[in-house]
């Protein structure tokens, strides 16, 4: 994940299912998310998919789909 005010990607930890978390903060949106498969290293980036007024435990939707 990357914050709008930064070019540095932050690694997220898998919690369970489709839930991921970041240990750290404070975090300021909007956020972009980059997903990479372990098996093929295929990457998909969703730019500014989480808005500036985000809230913890909320769900956000992107129009991008990831198929591997």
PDB file of N, CA and C in Angstrom:
ATOM      1  N   UNK A   1       0.841  -1.164   0.000  1.00  0.00           N
ATOM      2  CA  UNK A   1       0.000   0.000   0.000  1.00  0.00           C
ATOM      3  C   UNK A   1       0.887   1.226   0.000  1.00  0.00           C
ATOM      4  N   UNK A   2       0.445   2.292  -0.634  1.00  0.00           N
ATOM      5  CA  UNK A   2       1.175   3.555  -0.630  1.00  0.00           C
ATOM      6  C   UNK A   2       0.200   4.689  -0.310  1.00  0.00           C
ATOM      7  N   UNK A   3       0.660   5.630   0.510  1.00  0.00           N
ATOM      8  CA  UNK A   3      -0.144   6.805   0.834  1.00  0.00           C
ATOM      9  C   UNK A   3       0.030   7.854  -0.254  1.00  0.00           C
ATOM     10  N   UNK A   4      -0.933   8.715  -0.414  1.00  0.00           N
ATOM     11  CA  UNK A   4      -0.891   9.750  -1.451  1.00  0.00           C
ATOM     12  C   UNK A   4       0.316  10.662  -1.287  1.00  0.00           C
ATOM     13  N   UNK A   5       0.720  10.925  -0.060  1.00  0.00           N
ATOM     14  CA  UNK A   5       1.808  11.861   0.191  1.00  0.00           C
ATOM     15  C   UNK A   5       3.185  11.201   0.131  1.00  0.00           C
ATOM     16  N   UNK A   6       3.268   9.943  -0.316  1.00  0.00           N
ATOM     17  CA  UNK A   6       4.526   9.207  -0.313  1.00  0.00           C
ATOM     18  C   UNK A   6       4.666   8.366  -1.574  1.00  0.00           C
ATOM     19  N   UNK A   7       5.892   8.017  -1.907  1.00  0.00           N
ATOM     20  CA  UNK A   7       6.131   7.092  -3.020  1.00  0.00           C
ATOM     21  C   UNK A   7       6.638   5.753  -2.497  1.00  0.00           C
ATOM     22  N   UNK A   8       6.707   5.606  -1.179  1.00  0.00           N
ATOM     23  CA  UNK A   8       7.208   4.381  -0.555  1.00  0.00           C
ATOM     24  C   UNK A   8       6.063   3.403  -0.297  1.00  0.00           C
ATOM     25  N   UNK A   9       6.197   2.183  -0.818  1.00  0.00           N
ATOM     26  CA  UNK A   9       5.186   1.147  -0.606  1.00  0.00           C
ATOM     27  C   UNK A   9       5.357   0.547   0.773  1.00  0.00           C
ATOM     28  N   UNK A  10       4.255   0.325   1.488  1.00  0.00           N
ATOM     29  CA  UNK A  10       4.245  -0.257   2.829  1.00  0.00           C
ATOM     30  C   UNK A  10       3.687  -1.666   2.730  1.00  0.00           C
ATOM     31  N   UNK A  11       4.413  -2.648   3.255  1.00  0.00           N
ATOM     32  CA  UNK A  11       3.947  -4.030   3.207  1.00  0.00           C
ATOM     33  C   UNK A  11       2.801  -4.245   4.191  1.00  0.00           C
ATOM     34  N   UNK A  12       1.797  -4.971   3.741  1.00  0.00           N
ATOM     35  CA  UNK A  12       0.646  -5.287   4.579  1.00  0.00           C
ATOM     36  C   UNK A  12       0.757  -6.738   5.038  1.00  0.00           C
ATOM     37  N   UNK A  13       0.179  -7.054   6.192  1.00  0.00           N
ATOM     38  CA  UNK A  13       0.163  -8.417   6.722  1.00  0.00           C
ATOM     39  C   UNK A  13      -1.204  -9.035   6.511  1.00  0.00           C
ATOM     40  N   UNK A  14      -1.216 -10.290   6.084  1.00  0.00           N
ATOM     41  CA  UNK A  14      -2.472 -11.000   5.857  1.00  0.00           C
ATOM     42  C   UNK A  14      -3.063 -11.409   7.202  1.00  0.00           C
ATOM     43  N   UNK A  15      -4.328 -11.089   7.428  1.00  0.00           N
ATOM     44  CA  UNK A  15      -5.010 -11.446   8.667  1.00  0.00           C
ATOM     45  C   UNK A  15      -5.771 -12.752   8.460  1.00  0.00           C
ATOM     46  N   UNK A  16      -6.752 -12.741   7.564  1.00  0.00           N
ATOM     47  CA  UNK A  16      -7.512 -13.934   7.181  1.00  0.00           C
ATOM     48  C   UNK A  16      -8.394 -13.577   6.000  1.00  0.00           C
ATOM     49  N   UNK A  17      -8.723 -14.555   5.161  1.00  0.00           N
ATOM     50  CA  UNK A  17      -9.582 -14.290   4.006  1.00  0.00           C
ATOM     51  C   UNK A  17      -9.060 -13.145   3.168  1.00  0.00           C
ATOM     52  N   UNK A  18      -9.897 -12.148   2.926  1.00  0.00           N
ATOM     53  CA  UNK A  18      -9.508 -10.974   2.144  1.00  0.00           C
ATOM     54  C   UNK A  18      -9.138  -9.799   3.042  1.00  0.00           C
ATOM     55  N   UNK A  19      -8.803 -10.059   4.291  1.00  0.00           N
ATOM     56  CA  UNK A  19      -8.481  -8.998   5.257  1.00  0.00           C
ATOM     57  C   UNK A  19      -6.973  -8.876   5.452  1.00  0.00           C
ATOM     58  N   UNK A  20      -6.503  -7.635   5.354  1.00  0.00           N
ATOM     59  CA  UNK A  20      -5.085  -7.327   5.506  1.00  0.00           C
ATOM     60  C   UNK A  20      -4.944  -6.171   6.489  1.00  0.00           C
ATOM     61  N   UNK A  21      -3.771  -6.035   7.115  1.00  0.00           N
ATOM     62  CA  UNK A  21      -3.578  -4.932   8.061  1.00  0.00           C
ATOM     63  C   UNK A  21      -2.178  -4.347   7.918  1.00  0.00           C
ATOM     64  N   UNK A  22      -2.035  -3.152   8.462  1.00  0.00           N
ATOM     65  CA  UNK A  22      -0.752  -2.452   8.512  1.00  0.00           C
ATOM     66  C   UNK A  22      -0.496  -2.112   9.969  1.00  0.00           C
ATOM     67  N   UNK A  23       0.685  -2.420  10.443  1.00  0.00           N
ATOM     68  CA  UNK A  23       1.079  -2.049  11.798  1.00  0.00           C
ATOM     69  C   UNK A  23       1.891  -0.766  11.698  1.00  0.00           C
ATOM     70  N   UNK A  24       1.324   0.312  12.140  1.00  0.00           N
ATOM     71  CA  UNK A  24       1.999   1.597  12.049  1.00  0.00           C
ATOM     72  C   UNK A  24       0.995   2.712  11.873  1.00  0.00           C
ATOM     73  N   UNK A  25       1.505   3.873  11.685  1.00  0.00           N
ATOM     74  CA  UNK A  25       0.627   5.005  11.484  1.00  0.00           C
ATOM     75  C   UNK A  25       1.296   6.265  11.968  1.00  0.00           C
ATOM     76  N   UNK A  26       0.658   7.392  11.957  1.00  0.00           N
ATOM     77  CA  UNK A  26      -0.705   7.575  11.454  1.00  0.00           C
ATOM     78  C   UNK A  26      -0.732   7.471   9.931  1.00  0.00           C
ATOM     79  N   UNK A  27      -1.855   7.077   9.409  1.00  0.00           N
ATOM     80  CA  UNK A  27      -2.021   6.901   7.974  1.00  0.00           C
ATOM     81  C   UNK A  27      -2.957   7.964   7.421  1.00  0.00           C
ATOM     82  N   UNK A  28      -2.574   8.549   6.293  1.00  0.00           N
ATOM     83  CA  UNK A  28      -3.370   9.599   5.668  1.00  0.00           C
ATOM     84  C   UNK A  28      -3.662   9.202   4.221  1.00  0.00           C
ATOM     85  N   UNK A  29      -4.958   9.103   3.872  1.00  0.00           N
ATOM     86  CA  UNK A  29      -5.358   8.706   2.527  1.00  0.00           C
ATOM     87  C   UNK A  29      -5.304   9.862   1.562  1.00  0.00           C
ATOM     88  N   UNK A  30      -5.590   9.648   0.311  1.00  0.00           N
ATOM     89  CA  UNK A  30      -6.016   8.380  -0.266  1.00  0.00           C
ATOM     90  C   UNK A  30      -4.860   7.392  -0.388  1.00  0.00           C
ATOM     91  N   UNK A  31      -5.210   6.098  -0.519  1.00  0.00           N
ATOM     92  CA  UNK A  31      -4.220   5.039  -0.608  1.00  0.00           C
ATOM     93  C   UNK A  31      -4.337   4.314  -1.938  1.00  0.00           C
ATOM     94  N   UNK A  32      -3.210   3.831  -2.409  1.00  0.00           N
ATOM     95  CA  UNK A  32      -3.161   2.935  -3.560  1.00  0.00           C
ATOM     96  C   UNK A  32      -2.734   1.576  -3.034  1.00  0.00           C
ATOM     97  N   UNK A  33      -3.178   0.512  -3.708  1.00  0.00           N
ATOM     98  CA  UNK A  33      -2.871  -0.843  -3.281  1.00  0.00           C
ATOM     99  C   UNK A  33      -2.232  -1.585  -4.445  1.00  0.00           C
ATOM    100  N   UNK A  34      -1.157  -2.335  -4.155  1.00  0.00           N
ATOM    101  CA  UNK A  34      -0.491  -3.144  -5.167  1.00  0.00           C
ATOM    102  C   UNK A  34      -0.485  -4.589  -4.676  1.00  0.00           C
ATOM    103  N   UNK A  35      -0.958  -5.512  -5.527  1.00  0.00           N
ATOM    104  CA  UNK A  35      -1.033  -6.930  -5.186  1.00  0.00           C
ATOM    105  C   UNK A  35      -0.094  -7.687  -6.110  1.00  0.00           C
ATOM    106  N   UNK A  36       0.713  -8.598  -5.531  1.00  0.00           N
ATOM    107  CA  UNK A  36       1.639  -9.414  -6.304  1.00  0.00           C
ATOM    108  C   UNK A  36       1.471 -10.872  -5.917  1.00  0.00           C
ATOM    109  N   UNK A  37       1.359 -11.764  -6.908  1.00  0.00           N
ATOM    110  CA  UNK A  37       1.258 -13.199  -6.618  1.00  0.00           C
ATOM    111  C   UNK A  37       2.627 -13.741  -6.241  1.00  0.00           C
ATOM    112  N   UNK A  38       2.648 -14.723  -5.361  1.00  0.00           N
ATOM    113  CA  UNK A  38       3.905 -15.371  -4.997  1.00  0.00           C
ATOM    114  C   UNK A  38       4.387 -16.304  -6.100  1.00  0.00           C
ATOM    115  N   UNK A  39       3.454 -16.979  -6.772  1.00  0.00           N
ATOM    116  CA  UNK A  39       3.834 -17.994  -7.753  1.00  0.00           C
ATOM    117  C   UNK A  39       4.358 -17.420  -9.069  1.00  0.00           C
ATOM    118  N   UNK A  40       3.764 -16.340  -9.565  1.00  0.00           N
ATOM    119  CA  UNK A  40       4.160 -15.801 -10.873  1.00  0.00           C
ATOM    120  C   UNK A  40       4.730 -14.384 -10.805  1.00  0.00           C
ATOM    121  N   UNK A  41       4.656 -13.745  -9.659  1.00  0.00           N
ATOM    122  CA  UNK A  41       5.107 -12.363  -9.458  1.00  0.00           C
ATOM    123  C   UNK A  41       4.317 -11.368 -10.308  1.00  0.00           C
ATOM    124  N   UNK A  42       3.114 -11.762 -10.762  1.00  0.00           N
ATOM    125  CA  UNK A  42       2.228 -10.852 -11.500  1.00  0.00           C
ATOM    126  C   UNK A  42       1.707  -9.786 -10.540  1.00  0.00           C
ATOM    127  N   UNK A  43       1.703  -8.530 -10.972  1.00  0.00           N
ATOM    128  CA  UNK A  43       1.319  -7.415 -10.106  1.00  0.00           C
ATOM    129  C   UNK A  43       0.176  -6.610 -10.706  1.00  0.00           C
ATOM    130  N   UNK A  44      -0.719  -6.153  -9.841  1.00  0.00           N
ATOM    131  CA  UNK A  44      -1.830  -5.279 -10.217  1.00  0.00           C
ATOM    132  C   UNK A  44      -1.850  -4.119  -9.234  1.00  0.00           C
ATOM    133  N   UNK A  45      -1.956  -2.894  -9.748  1.00  0.00           N
ATOM    134  CA  UNK A  45      -2.014  -1.710  -8.888  1.00  0.00           C
ATOM    135  C   UNK A  45      -3.361  -1.025  -9.028  1.00  0.00           C
ATOM    136  N   UNK A  46      -3.964  -0.684  -7.904  1.00  0.00           N
ATOM    137  CA  UNK A  46      -5.219   0.072  -7.864  1.00  0.00           C
ATOM    138  C   UNK A  46      -4.894   1.432  -7.248  1.00  0.00           C
ATOM    139  N   UNK A  47      -4.861   2.471  -8.068  1.00  0.00           N
ATOM    140  CA  UNK A  47      -4.465   3.808  -7.623  1.00  0.00           C
ATOM    141  C   UNK A  47      -5.605   4.500  -6.883  1.00  0.00           C
ATOM    142  N   UNK A  48      -5.280   5.063  -5.713  1.00  0.00           N
ATOM    143  CA  UNK A  48      -6.222   5.856  -4.905  1.00  0.00           C
ATOM    144  C   UNK A  48      -7.552   5.143  -4.673  1.00  0.00           C
ATOM    145  N   UNK A  49      -7.503   3.846  -4.427  1.00  0.00           N
ATOM    146  CA  UNK A  49      -8.714   3.048  -4.248  1.00  0.00           C
ATOM    147  C   UNK A  49      -9.343   3.252  -2.862  1.00  0.00           C
ATOM    148  N   UNK A  50      -8.559   3.665  -1.886  1.00  0.00           N
ATOM    149  CA  UNK A  50      -9.075   3.952  -0.546  1.00  0.00           C
ATOM    150  C   UNK A  50      -9.062   5.474  -0.375  1.00  0.00           C
ATOM    151  N   UNK A  51     -10.209   6.102  -0.099  1.00  0.00           N
ATOM    152  CA  UNK A  51     -10.319   7.566  -0.112  1.00  0.00           C
ATOM    153  C   UNK A  51      -9.613   8.258   1.061  1.00  0.00           C
ATOM    154  N   UNK A  52      -9.458   9.557   0.929  1.00  0.00           N
ATOM    155  CA  UNK A  52      -8.830  10.366   1.964  1.00  0.00           C
ATOM    156  C   UNK A  52      -9.585  10.352   3.280  1.00  0.00           C
ATOM    157  N   UNK A  53     -10.887  10.173   3.241  1.00  0.00           N
ATOM    158  CA  UNK A  53     -11.698  10.159   4.468  1.00  0.00           C
ATOM    159  C   UNK A  53     -11.984   8.720   4.923  1.00  0.00           C
ATOM    160  N   UNK A  54     -11.023   7.827   4.721  1.00  0.00           N
ATOM    161  CA  UNK A  54     -11.178   6.410   5.058  1.00  0.00           C
ATOM    162  C   UNK A  54     -11.390   6.226   6.559  1.00  0.00           C
ATOM    163  N   UNK A  55     -11.908   5.061   6.928  1.00  0.00           N
ATOM    164  CA  UNK A  55     -12.041   4.732   8.354  1.00  0.00           C
ATOM    165  C   UNK A  55     -11.655   3.270   8.565  1.00  0.00           C
ATOM    166  N   UNK A  56     -11.064   2.949   9.707  1.00  0.00           N
ATOM    167  CA  UNK A  56     -10.666   1.570  10.005  1.00  0.00           C
ATOM    168  C   UNK A  56     -11.874   0.630   9.946  1.00  0.00           C
ATOM    169  N   UNK A  57     -11.641  -0.597   9.536  1.00  0.00           N
ATOM    170  CA  UNK A  57     -12.627  -1.676   9.454  1.00  0.00           C
ATOM    171  C   UNK A  57     -13.689  -1.445   8.387  1.00  0.00           C
ATOM    172  N   UNK A  58     -13.519  -0.433   7.539  1.00  0.00           N
ATOM    173  CA  UNK A  58     -14.465  -0.182   6.451  1.00  0.00           C
ATOM    174  C   UNK A  58     -14.084  -1.039   5.246  1.00  0.00           C
ATOM    175  N   UNK A  59     -15.004  -1.198   4.316  1.00  0.00           N
ATOM    176  CA  UNK A  59     -14.770  -1.947   3.091  1.00  0.00           C
ATOM    177  C   UNK A  59     -14.787  -0.981   1.914  1.00  0.00           C
ATOM    178  N   UNK A  60     -13.796  -1.113   1.028  1.00  0.00           N
ATOM    179  CA  UNK A  60     -13.705  -0.264  -0.150  1.00  0.00           C
ATOM    180  C   UNK A  60     -13.629  -1.143  -1.384  1.00  0.00           C
ATOM    181  N   UNK A  61     -14.247  -0.711  -2.461  1.00  0.00           N
ATOM    182  CA  UNK A  61     -14.349  -1.503  -3.677  1.00  0.00           C
ATOM    183  C   UNK A  61     -13.565  -0.856  -4.810  1.00  0.00           C
ATOM    184  N   UNK A  62     -12.905  -1.700  -5.590  1.00  0.00           N
ATOM    185  CA  UNK A  62     -12.204  -1.259  -6.789  1.00  0.00           C
ATOM    186  C   UNK A  62     -12.850  -1.936  -7.989  1.00  0.00           C
ATOM    187  N   UNK A  63     -12.741  -1.334  -9.144  1.00  0.00           N
ATOM    188  CA  UNK A  63     -13.267  -1.953 -10.364  1.00  0.00           C
ATOM    189  C   UNK A  63     -12.269  -2.923 -10.978  1.00  0.00           C
ATOM    190  N   UNK A  64     -11.086  -3.028 -10.387  1.00  0.00           N
ATOM    191  CA  UNK A  64     -10.066  -3.939 -10.901  1.00  0.00           C
ATOM    192  C   UNK A  64     -10.288  -5.334 -10.334  1.00  0.00           C
ATOM    193  N   UNK A  65     -10.064  -6.347 -11.171  1.00  0.00           N
ATOM    194  CA  UNK A  65     -10.131  -7.735 -10.740  1.00  0.00           C
ATOM    195  C   UNK A  65      -8.776  -8.380 -10.965  1.00  0.00           C
ATOM    196  N   UNK A  66      -8.402  -9.255 -10.068  1.00  0.00           N
ATOM    197  CA  UNK A  66      -7.111  -9.909 -10.143  1.00  0.00           C
ATOM    198  C   UNK A  66      -7.312 -11.389 -10.427  1.00  0.00           C
ATOM    199  N   UNK A  67      -6.833 -11.858 -11.565  1.00  0.00           N
ATOM    200  CA  UNK A  67      -6.913 -13.260 -11.934  1.00  0.00           C
ATOM    201  C   UNK A  67      -5.504 -13.785 -12.100  1.00  0.00           C
ATOM    202  N   UNK A  68      -5.220 -14.929 -11.530  1.00  0.00           N
ATOM    203  CA  UNK A  68      -3.876 -15.501 -11.686  1.00  0.00           C
ATOM    204  C   UNK A  68      -3.928 -16.919 -12.171  1.00  0.00           C
TER     205      UNK A  68
END
